[in-house]
């Protein structure tokens, strides 16, 4: 069974580097509409958009900090405004700064939890109402 991504609206978190970037490119090659977002590194986002320039009609670049609930809500509002639908969520974003337990501060640990755990839940929660519009359950 072949899965068809043509014209699907897909958010790939972590889409400016690593696995997320490769997955975004594969989906764009499949003619999907892909939301590419970045949290802080504008230079990396610009480089990613240059690499994906041939797919500029099928992608949307949005700045959003996954550790911030308001930014996650804004991200999904942007998706809703542009497409009025949502089909697939691919959670690839991760905060992976490695620190020893002695070096890790409470704020750093909270940030890691926000990005690696809570943000995934927030994305899923925001995706559900948009997915229901296209018949998801």
C-alpha atoms as a PDB file:
ATOM      1  CA  UNK A   1       0.000   0.000   0.000  1.00  0.00           C
ATOM      2  CA  UNK A   2       1.424   3.337  -1.059  1.00  0.00           C
ATOM      3  CA  UNK A   3       0.758   6.426   1.041  1.00  0.00           C
ATOM      4  CA  UNK A   4       0.111   9.516  -1.071  1.00  0.00           C
ATOM      5  CA  UNK A   5       1.238  12.838   0.373  1.00  0.00           C
ATOM      6  CA  UNK A   6       0.380  15.020  -2.634  1.00  0.00           C
ATOM      7  CA  UNK A   7      -1.484  18.156  -1.477  1.00  0.00           C
ATOM      8  CA  UNK A   8      -1.461  17.041   2.174  1.00  0.00           C
ATOM      9  CA  UNK A   9      -0.694  19.743   4.765  1.00  0.00           C
ATOM     10  CA  UNK A  10       2.140  18.515   6.951  1.00  0.00           C
ATOM     11  CA  UNK A  11       4.035  20.059   9.858  1.00  0.00           C
ATOM     12  CA  UNK A  12       7.513  18.682  10.447  1.00  0.00           C
ATOM     13  CA  UNK A  13       8.918  19.933  13.734  1.00  0.00           C
ATOM     14  CA  UNK A  14      12.691  20.282  13.733  1.00  0.00           C
ATOM     15  CA  UNK A  15      12.593  20.820   9.977  1.00  0.00           C
ATOM     16  CA  UNK A  16      15.662  23.062   9.649  1.00  0.00           C
ATOM     17  CA  UNK A  17      18.191  20.363  10.527  1.00  0.00           C
ATOM     18  CA  UNK A  18      18.869  16.648  10.765  1.00  0.00           C
ATOM     19  CA  UNK A  19      16.136  14.070  10.370  1.00  0.00           C
ATOM     20  CA  UNK A  20      13.374  16.699  10.342  1.00  0.00           C
ATOM     21  CA  UNK A  21      14.972  18.549   7.442  1.00  0.00           C
ATOM     22  CA  UNK A  22      15.389  15.348   5.432  1.00  0.00           C
ATOM     23  CA  UNK A  23      11.792  14.315   6.124  1.00  0.00           C
ATOM     24  CA  UNK A  24      10.540  17.778   5.068  1.00  0.00           C
ATOM     25  CA  UNK A  25      12.491  17.498   1.815  1.00  0.00           C
ATOM     26  CA  UNK A  26      11.104  14.011   1.096  1.00  0.00           C
ATOM     27  CA  UNK A  27       7.563  15.227   1.706  1.00  0.00           C
ATOM     28  CA  UNK A  28       8.085  18.255  -0.535  1.00  0.00           C
ATOM     29  CA  UNK A  29       9.387  15.928  -3.252  1.00  0.00           C
ATOM     30  CA  UNK A  30       6.097  14.036  -2.845  1.00  0.00           C
ATOM     31  CA  UNK A  31       4.236  17.300  -3.575  1.00  0.00           C
ATOM     32  CA  UNK A  32       3.007  17.800  -0.002  1.00  0.00           C
ATOM     33  CA  UNK A  33       2.511  21.239   1.530  1.00  0.00           C
ATOM     34  CA  UNK A  34       5.077  21.382   4.323  1.00  0.00           C
ATOM     35  CA  UNK A  35       5.272  23.841   7.189  1.00  0.00           C
ATOM     36  CA  UNK A  36       8.895  24.537   8.064  1.00  0.00           C
ATOM     37  CA  UNK A  37       9.492  26.432  11.239  1.00  0.00           C
ATOM     38  CA  UNK A  38      12.387  27.584  13.321  1.00  0.00           C
ATOM     39  CA  UNK A  39      12.666  28.734  16.904  1.00  0.00           C
ATOM     40  CA  UNK A  40      15.808  30.795  17.173  1.00  0.00           C
ATOM     41  CA  UNK A  41      18.301  30.160  14.401  1.00  0.00           C
ATOM     42  CA  UNK A  42      17.290  32.446  11.556  1.00  0.00           C
ATOM     43  CA  UNK A  43      20.485  31.713   9.613  1.00  0.00           C
ATOM     44  CA  UNK A  44      19.754  27.973   9.627  1.00  0.00           C
ATOM     45  CA  UNK A  45      16.172  28.680   8.517  1.00  0.00           C
ATOM     46  CA  UNK A  46      17.429  30.820   5.626  1.00  0.00           C
ATOM     47  CA  UNK A  47      19.879  28.090   4.573  1.00  0.00           C
ATOM     48  CA  UNK A  48      17.108  25.493   4.697  1.00  0.00           C
ATOM     49  CA  UNK A  49      14.823  27.656   2.576  1.00  0.00           C
ATOM     50  CA  UNK A  50      17.611  28.119   0.005  1.00  0.00           C
ATOM     51  CA  UNK A  51      18.082  24.346  -0.149  1.00  0.00           C
ATOM     52  CA  UNK A  52      14.344  23.882  -0.634  1.00  0.00           C
ATOM     53  CA  UNK A  53      13.877  26.829  -3.012  1.00  0.00           C
ATOM     54  CA  UNK A  54      12.574  24.633  -5.840  1.00  0.00           C
ATOM     55  CA  UNK A  55       9.602  23.762  -3.586  1.00  0.00           C
ATOM     56  CA  UNK A  56       8.778  27.338  -2.530  1.00  0.00           C
ATOM     57  CA  UNK A  57       5.171  27.008  -3.714  1.00  0.00           C
ATOM     58  CA  UNK A  58       4.633  24.103  -1.325  1.00  0.00           C
ATOM     59  CA  UNK A  59       6.184  25.307   1.896  1.00  0.00           C
ATOM     60  CA  UNK A  60       5.454  27.840   4.577  1.00  0.00           C
ATOM     61  CA  UNK A  61       8.175  29.196   6.863  1.00  0.00           C
ATOM     62  CA  UNK A  62       7.023  30.169  10.354  1.00  0.00           C
ATOM     63  CA  UNK A  63       9.052  31.291  13.369  1.00  0.00           C
ATOM     64  CA  UNK A  64       7.827  29.593  16.547  1.00  0.00           C
ATOM     65  CA  UNK A  65       9.502  28.633  19.809  1.00  0.00           C
ATOM     66  CA  UNK A  66       8.178  25.198  20.752  1.00  0.00           C
ATOM     67  CA  UNK A  67       8.933  25.853  24.409  1.00  0.00           C
ATOM     68  CA  UNK A  68       6.367  28.676  24.360  1.00  0.00           C
ATOM     69  CA  UNK A  69       2.673  27.723  24.411  1.00  0.00           C
ATOM     70  CA  UNK A  70       1.614  30.981  22.717  1.00  0.00           C
ATOM     71  CA  UNK A  71       4.050  30.340  19.859  1.00  0.00           C
ATOM     72  CA  UNK A  72       2.703  26.817  19.357  1.00  0.00           C
ATOM     73  CA  UNK A  73      -0.849  28.187  19.250  1.00  0.00           C
ATOM     74  CA  UNK A  74       0.271  30.880  16.774  1.00  0.00           C
ATOM     75  CA  UNK A  75       1.951  28.236  14.602  1.00  0.00           C
ATOM     76  CA  UNK A  76      -1.302  26.310  14.245  1.00  0.00           C
ATOM     77  CA  UNK A  77      -3.255  29.530  13.683  1.00  0.00           C
ATOM     78  CA  UNK A  78      -0.911  30.304  10.766  1.00  0.00           C
ATOM     79  CA  UNK A  79      -1.475  26.812   9.370  1.00  0.00           C
ATOM     80  CA  UNK A  80      -5.238  27.231   9.690  1.00  0.00           C
ATOM     81  CA  UNK A  81      -5.174  30.652   7.989  1.00  0.00           C
ATOM     82  CA  UNK A  82      -3.066  29.470   5.065  1.00  0.00           C
ATOM     83  CA  UNK A  83      -4.602  26.027   4.465  1.00  0.00           C
ATOM     84  CA  UNK A  84      -7.758  25.723   6.633  1.00  0.00           C
ATOM     85  CA  UNK A  85      -6.870  22.055   7.105  1.00  0.00           C
ATOM     86  CA  UNK A  86      -4.180  19.822   8.524  1.00  0.00           C
ATOM     87  CA  UNK A  87      -3.270  16.256   7.648  1.00  0.00           C
ATOM     88  CA  UNK A  88      -0.026  15.064   9.241  1.00  0.00           C
ATOM     89  CA  UNK A  89       2.173  15.964  12.211  1.00  0.00           C
ATOM     90  CA  UNK A  90       5.769  14.732  12.243  1.00  0.00           C
ATOM     91  CA  UNK A  91       7.449  15.445  15.606  1.00  0.00           C
ATOM     92  CA  UNK A  92      11.209  15.610  15.012  1.00  0.00           C
ATOM     93  CA  UNK A  93      12.179  18.629  17.127  1.00  0.00           C
ATOM     94  CA  UNK A  94      14.367  17.979  20.126  1.00  0.00           C
ATOM     95  CA  UNK A  95      16.552  19.950  22.450  1.00  0.00           C
ATOM     96  CA  UNK A  96      19.633  17.813  22.757  1.00  0.00           C
ATOM     97  CA  UNK A  97      22.256  19.918  24.523  1.00  0.00           C
ATOM     98  CA  UNK A  98      24.181  17.411  26.625  1.00  0.00           C
ATOM     99  CA  UNK A  99      25.104  18.529  30.136  1.00  0.00           C
ATOM    100  CA  UNK A 100      26.139  16.583  33.181  1.00  0.00           C
ATOM    101  CA  UNK A 101      23.646  16.580  36.030  1.00  0.00           C
ATOM    102  CA  UNK A 102      25.987  18.915  37.935  1.00  0.00           C
ATOM    103  CA  UNK A 103      25.951  21.454  35.077  1.00  0.00           C
ATOM    104  CA  UNK A 104      22.234  21.218  34.331  1.00  0.00           C
ATOM    105  CA  UNK A 105      20.236  24.081  35.834  1.00  0.00           C
ATOM    106  CA  UNK A 106      16.566  23.908  36.722  1.00  0.00           C
ATOM    107  CA  UNK A 107      15.768  26.386  33.930  1.00  0.00           C
ATOM    108  CA  UNK A 108      17.741  24.347  31.386  1.00  0.00           C
ATOM    109  CA  UNK A 109      15.961  21.184  32.515  1.00  0.00           C
ATOM    110  CA  UNK A 110      12.540  22.887  32.263  1.00  0.00           C
ATOM    111  CA  UNK A 111      13.386  24.087  28.759  1.00  0.00           C
ATOM    112  CA  UNK A 112      14.421  20.556  27.760  1.00  0.00           C
ATOM    113  CA  UNK A 113      11.135  19.163  29.123  1.00  0.00           C
ATOM    114  CA  UNK A 114       9.147  21.899  27.369  1.00  0.00           C
ATOM    115  CA  UNK A 115      10.689  21.188  23.967  1.00  0.00           C
ATOM    116  CA  UNK A 116      11.073  17.417  24.172  1.00  0.00           C
ATOM    117  CA  UNK A 117       7.837  16.524  25.930  1.00  0.00           C
ATOM    118  CA  UNK A 118       5.299  19.280  26.480  1.00  0.00           C
ATOM    119  CA  UNK A 119       5.670  20.825  22.998  1.00  0.00           C
ATOM    120  CA  UNK A 120       4.905  17.469  21.369  1.00  0.00           C
ATOM    121  CA  UNK A 121       1.691  17.251  23.383  1.00  0.00           C
ATOM    122  CA  UNK A 122       0.806  20.872  22.515  1.00  0.00           C
ATOM    123  CA  UNK A 123       1.329  20.197  18.817  1.00  0.00           C
ATOM    124  CA  UNK A 124      -0.876  17.108  18.965  1.00  0.00           C
ATOM    125  CA  UNK A 125      -3.552  19.005  20.901  1.00  0.00           C
ATOM    126  CA  UNK A 126      -3.546  21.850  18.341  1.00  0.00           C
ATOM    127  CA  UNK A 127      -3.488  19.465  15.385  1.00  0.00           C
ATOM    128  CA  UNK A 128      -6.596  17.506  16.388  1.00  0.00           C
ATOM    129  CA  UNK A 129      -9.249  20.167  15.600  1.00  0.00           C
ATOM    130  CA  UNK A 130      -7.675  20.877  12.190  1.00  0.00           C
ATOM    131  CA  UNK A 131      -7.399  17.153  11.409  1.00  0.00           C
ATOM    132  CA  UNK A 132     -11.059  16.652  12.274  1.00  0.00           C
ATOM    133  CA  UNK A 133     -11.944  19.159   9.532  1.00  0.00           C
ATOM    134  CA  UNK A 134     -10.602  16.703   6.951  1.00  0.00           C
ATOM    135  CA  UNK A 135     -12.236  13.636   8.483  1.00  0.00           C
ATOM    136  CA  UNK A 136      -9.606  12.571  11.003  1.00  0.00           C
ATOM    137  CA  UNK A 137     -10.689  11.172  14.335  1.00  0.00           C
END
